[in-house]
Amino acid sequence: MQADLPKTYKTLTISKQDLIDFSERLAACIPPDFLKQLGRPLRVSIEGSFSSGKKIIPDYMRDTLLSADAVNGRTGNVNYDEKVSGRLADQEIEISYIDLAWERRLFSFYDEDAHGSGCSWSDQAILNAHLEGHSEMGVAFIQNADSKRVLGHINAEADISIWVEKDDYRQNQRFLKSQKCYGLGQKLAENFSKASIDEGWGRYIEVELHNPELQQSQPVQKLLKDFKFEQK
């Protein structure tokens, strides 16, 4: 009997290197055979607080999946919409990224006739246009689909959802009492607060697994254990 999905896990990190290591390890948990059998791009949704380092995740996951010498093409506008193609295990693969918390005119594929005013915020049609023609074998990183800036509801249809929340020690009480972090435990919260002040990179991380194969993957479960994730 299949377990109910999604399953949500939470942890705390205290350095930028923690977030880099997590991203590289997560990419290593996605084998080429899995991407090939999926028959469509694996979708990774990334949300979180402003300036929390969210783009570390797609950048380092992409570079882990596709080494520099395996890349054979780059298109798009850096930091807005990006597509990188290359070869992974003798298969053509495409890895894309879009940050939906921007005006439409900033995207490389923007067309006024098709997408309306360039000064309007993103909507579902913008995401669909970005994904149109995407290689079936690949990964699509979709950032800020839940941003307050987007128009209407954008359905990212994620296989993996990641939340990154920044701890600003000057507003520590707001952070510790936020909905996402509620229930961490006072001692853990205090230890985290001190560490985040010392390092300047305290982050609360949530991972939701919507895909049953990833949920049951031993490498994924080891990753969660190594980074001290707890199931919510």
Protein backbone atom coordinates (compact mmCIF):
# COMPACT_ATOMS: atom_id res chain seq x y z
CA MET A 1 0.00 0.00 0.00
CA GLN A 2 1.44 3.36 -1.07
CA ALA A 3 2.16 5.83 1.70
CA ASP A 4 0.24 9.09 1.67
CA LEU A 5 2.05 11.86 -0.16
CA PRO A 6 3.43 14.41 0.09
CA LYS A 7 5.61 13.76 3.11
CA THR A 8 7.18 16.85 4.65
CA TYR A 9 10.53 17.03 6.44
CA LYS A 10 12.17 19.92 8.31
CA THR A 11 15.64 20.82 9.50
CA LEU A 12 17.89 23.74 10.43
CA THR A 13 21.18 24.71 8.78
CA ILE A 14 23.72 27.25 10.02
CA SER A 15 26.07 27.93 7.10
CA LYS A 16 26.01 28.64 3.39
CA GLN A 17 28.07 25.50 2.88
CA ASP A 18 25.27 23.48 4.51
CA LEU A 19 22.88 24.65 1.80
CA ILE A 20 25.42 23.96 -0.94
CA ASP A 21 26.13 20.46 0.41
CA PHE A 22 22.41 19.71 0.69
CA SER A 23 21.83 20.81 -2.92
CA GLU A 24 24.66 18.71 -4.30
CA ARG A 25 23.60 15.67 -2.29
CA LEU A 26 19.98 16.01 -3.44
CA ALA A 27 21.07 16.16 -7.08
CA ALA A 28 23.15 13.01 -6.55
CA CYS A 29 19.97 11.26 -5.38
CA ILE A 30 18.41 11.69 -8.84
CA PRO A 31 19.84 8.95 -11.10
CA PRO A 32 19.72 9.29 -14.91
CA ASP A 33 17.56 6.16 -15.22
CA PHE A 34 14.93 7.76 -12.99
CA LEU A 35 14.81 10.90 -15.17
CA LYS A 36 14.59 8.76 -18.31
CA GLN A 37 11.75 6.61 -16.97
CA LEU A 38 9.81 9.64 -15.70
CA GLY A 39 9.06 10.66 -19.27
CA ARG A 40 8.81 14.38 -18.43
CA PRO A 41 10.94 16.99 -16.65
CA LEU A 42 11.29 16.43 -12.91
CA ARG A 43 9.80 19.55 -11.29
CA VAL A 44 11.47 21.10 -8.26
CA SER A 45 9.58 23.98 -6.65
CA ILE A 46 11.57 26.44 -4.51
CA GLU A 47 9.96 28.98 -2.20
CA GLY A 48 10.99 30.92 0.88
CA SER A 49 11.79 34.24 2.44
CA PHE A 50 13.38 37.15 0.57
CA SER A 51 17.14 36.97 0.01
CA SER A 52 17.45 33.58 1.70
CA GLY A 53 19.77 32.04 -0.89
CA LYS A 54 17.09 30.02 -2.67
CA LYS A 55 18.94 30.07 -5.99
CA ILE A 56 21.83 28.16 -4.44
CA ILE A 57 19.65 25.07 -4.77
CA PRO A 58 19.04 25.11 -8.56
CA ASP A 59 22.56 26.36 -9.33
CA TYR A 60 24.37 23.65 -7.40
CA MET A 61 21.93 20.90 -8.32
CA ARG A 62 22.36 21.78 -12.00
CA ASP A 63 26.16 21.85 -11.75
CA THR A 64 26.12 18.47 -10.00
CA LEU A 65 23.91 16.87 -12.63
CA LEU A 66 25.77 18.47 -15.56
CA SER A 67 29.49 19.08 -15.20
CA ALA A 68 30.93 22.02 -17.14
CA ASP A 69 32.46 19.81 -19.84
CA ALA A 70 29.10 18.06 -20.38
CA VAL A 71 27.23 21.29 -21.17
CA ASN A 72 26.61 21.97 -24.86
CA GLY A 73 24.16 24.87 -24.76
CA ARG A 74 22.83 27.76 -22.66
CA THR A 75 19.87 30.02 -23.38
CA GLY A 76 17.65 32.47 -21.51
CA ASN A 77 18.24 35.44 -19.23
CA VAL A 78 20.45 34.68 -16.23
CA ASN A 79 18.59 34.85 -12.90
CA TYR A 80 15.22 35.19 -14.65
CA ASP A 81 14.82 32.21 -16.96
CA GLU A 82 17.63 29.85 -17.86
CA LYS A 83 17.99 26.63 -19.84
CA VAL A 84 21.13 24.50 -19.94
CA SER A 85 21.47 21.44 -22.13
CA GLY A 86 24.07 18.71 -22.17
CA ARG A 87 24.71 14.99 -21.91
CA LEU A 88 24.16 12.89 -18.83
CA ALA A 89 24.96 9.17 -19.01
CA ASP A 90 24.92 9.32 -22.83
CA GLN A 91 21.48 10.95 -22.83
CA GLU A 92 20.54 14.48 -23.86
CA ILE A 93 19.20 16.38 -20.85
CA GLU A 94 17.83 19.88 -20.31
CA ILE A 95 17.84 21.70 -16.98
CA SER A 96 15.77 24.85 -16.70
CA TYR A 97 15.14 27.56 -14.12
CA ILE A 98 12.56 30.31 -13.83
CA ASP A 99 11.93 32.87 -11.08
CA LEU A 100 8.27 33.83 -11.34
CA ALA A 101 8.56 36.83 -9.01
CA TRP A 102 9.45 39.11 -11.92
CA GLU A 103 7.64 41.14 -14.55
CA ARG A 104 6.99 39.29 -17.81
CA ARG A 105 9.18 41.60 -19.92
CA LEU A 106 12.32 40.28 -18.22
CA PHE A 107 11.95 36.74 -19.56
CA SER A 108 13.81 35.79 -22.73
CA PHE A 109 10.71 34.19 -24.27
CA TYR A 110 8.39 37.14 -23.56
CA ASP A 111 6.15 38.11 -26.45
CA GLU A 112 3.71 40.99 -25.99
CA ASP A 113 1.13 39.53 -28.38
CA ALA A 114 1.15 36.16 -26.62
CA HIS A 115 1.76 37.19 -23.02
CA GLY A 116 0.20 40.64 -22.61
CA SER A 117 1.70 43.68 -20.93
CA GLY A 118 5.36 43.33 -20.10
CA CYS A 119 4.82 45.27 -16.88
CA SER A 120 2.40 42.65 -15.52
CA TRP A 121 3.54 40.00 -13.06
CA SER A 122 3.88 36.32 -13.95
CA ASP A 123 0.97 33.90 -14.17
CA GLN A 124 0.34 30.26 -15.15
CA ALA A 125 0.67 31.12 -18.84
CA ILE A 126 4.21 32.40 -18.27
CA LEU A 127 5.25 29.16 -16.58
CA ASN A 128 3.60 27.13 -19.36
CA ALA A 129 5.44 29.18 -22.01
CA HIS A 130 8.77 28.61 -20.24
CA LEU A 131 8.20 24.85 -20.11
CA GLU A 132 6.94 24.57 -23.68
CA GLY A 133 9.26 22.38 -25.71
CA HIS A 134 11.24 21.31 -22.63
CA SER A 135 13.17 18.10 -23.15
CA GLU A 136 11.33 15.11 -21.68
CA MET A 137 14.50 14.09 -19.87
CA GLY A 138 15.53 16.85 -17.52
CA VAL A 139 14.80 18.97 -14.46
CA ALA A 140 12.71 22.15 -14.22
CA PHE A 141 13.41 24.41 -11.24
CA ILE A 142 10.41 26.64 -10.56
CA GLN A 143 11.06 29.43 -8.06
CA ASN A 144 8.52 31.71 -6.37
CA ALA A 145 5.37 30.19 -7.88
CA ASP A 146 3.67 31.09 -4.58
CA SER A 147 5.03 34.62 -4.46
CA LYS A 148 2.57 37.36 -3.53
CA ARG A 149 3.57 39.04 -6.78
CA VAL A 150 2.21 36.35 -9.12
CA LEU A 151 -1.22 36.73 -10.69
CA GLY A 152 -3.73 34.08 -9.70
CA HIS A 153 -2.73 30.56 -8.70
CA ILE A 154 0.31 29.02 -10.37
CA ASN A 155 0.38 25.23 -10.20
CA ALA A 156 4.01 24.11 -10.27
CA GLU A 157 3.00 20.40 -10.15
CA ALA A 158 6.15 19.74 -8.16
CA ASP A 159 7.79 16.38 -7.54
CA ILE A 160 9.92 18.03 -4.85
CA SER A 161 9.01 21.23 -2.98
CA ILE A 162 11.66 23.08 -0.97
CA TRP A 163 11.15 25.98 1.44
CA VAL A 164 14.14 28.10 2.58
CA GLU A 165 13.55 30.60 5.38
CA LYS A 166 16.17 33.11 6.45
CA ASP A 167 16.86 33.82 10.12
CA ASP A 168 17.55 37.49 10.66
CA TYR A 169 18.64 37.60 14.30
CA ARG A 170 17.47 41.21 14.54
CA GLN A 171 13.94 39.90 14.00
CA ASN A 172 14.52 36.58 15.70
CA GLN A 173 11.23 36.42 17.57
CA ARG A 174 9.30 36.79 14.33
CA PHE A 175 11.34 34.01 12.76
CA LEU A 176 10.99 31.59 15.67
CA LYS A 177 7.24 32.15 15.91
CA SER A 178 6.58 31.91 12.19
CA GLN A 179 4.13 29.31 10.97
CA LYS A 180 6.82 27.26 9.25
CA CYS A 181 9.12 27.08 12.27
CA TYR A 182 6.49 26.61 14.97
CA GLY A 183 7.17 23.59 17.18
CA LEU A 184 10.93 23.34 16.76
CA GLY A 185 11.43 23.33 20.51
CA GLN A 186 12.84 26.17 22.58
CA LYS A 187 16.28 24.67 23.25
CA LEU A 188 16.83 23.81 19.60
CA ALA A 189 15.60 27.27 18.62
CA GLU A 190 17.98 28.98 21.05
CA ASN A 191 20.95 26.94 19.86
CA PHE A 192 20.04 27.70 16.27
CA SER A 193 19.68 31.39 17.02
CA LYS A 194 23.20 31.59 18.48
CA ALA A 195 24.70 29.62 15.61
CA SER A 196 22.94 31.70 12.99
CA ILE A 197 24.23 34.91 14.58
CA ASP A 198 27.77 33.54 14.57
CA GLU A 199 27.61 32.26 10.98
CA GLY A 200 25.11 34.70 9.46
CA TRP A 201 23.55 31.87 7.43
CA GLY A 202 20.91 30.30 9.66
CA ARG A 203 18.18 28.70 7.55
CA TYR A 204 15.04 26.71 8.22
CA ILE A 205 14.55 24.14 5.44
CA GLU A 206 11.46 22.16 4.55
CA VAL A 207 11.34 19.45 1.90
CA GLU A 208 8.13 17.95 0.57
CA LEU A 209 8.36 14.76 -1.48
CA HIS A 210 5.43 14.32 -3.85
CA ASN A 211 6.94 11.49 -5.90
CA PRO A 212 6.59 7.98 -4.41
CA GLU A 213 9.82 6.69 -5.97
CA LEU A 214 11.83 9.53 -4.46
CA GLN A 215 10.07 9.07 -1.11
CA GLN A 216 11.13 5.42 -1.02
CA SER A 217 14.65 6.05 -2.34
CA GLN A 218 17.38 4.90 0.06
CA PRO A 219 19.78 7.71 -1.03
CA VAL A 220 17.06 10.30 -0.35
CA GLN A 221 16.32 8.83 3.06
CA LYS A 222 20.04 8.80 3.89
CA LEU A 223 20.28 12.45 2.82
CA LEU A 224 17.42 13.39 5.13
CA LYS A 225 19.03 11.49 8.00
CA ASP A 226 22.49 13.00 7.43
CA PHE A 227 21.06 16.52 7.48
CA LYS A 228 18.97 15.73 10.56
CA PHE A 229 15.60 16.25 8.90
CA GLU A 230 12.56 15.37 11.00
CA GLN A 231 9.20 14.43 9.53
CA LYS A 232 6.51 16.99 10.28
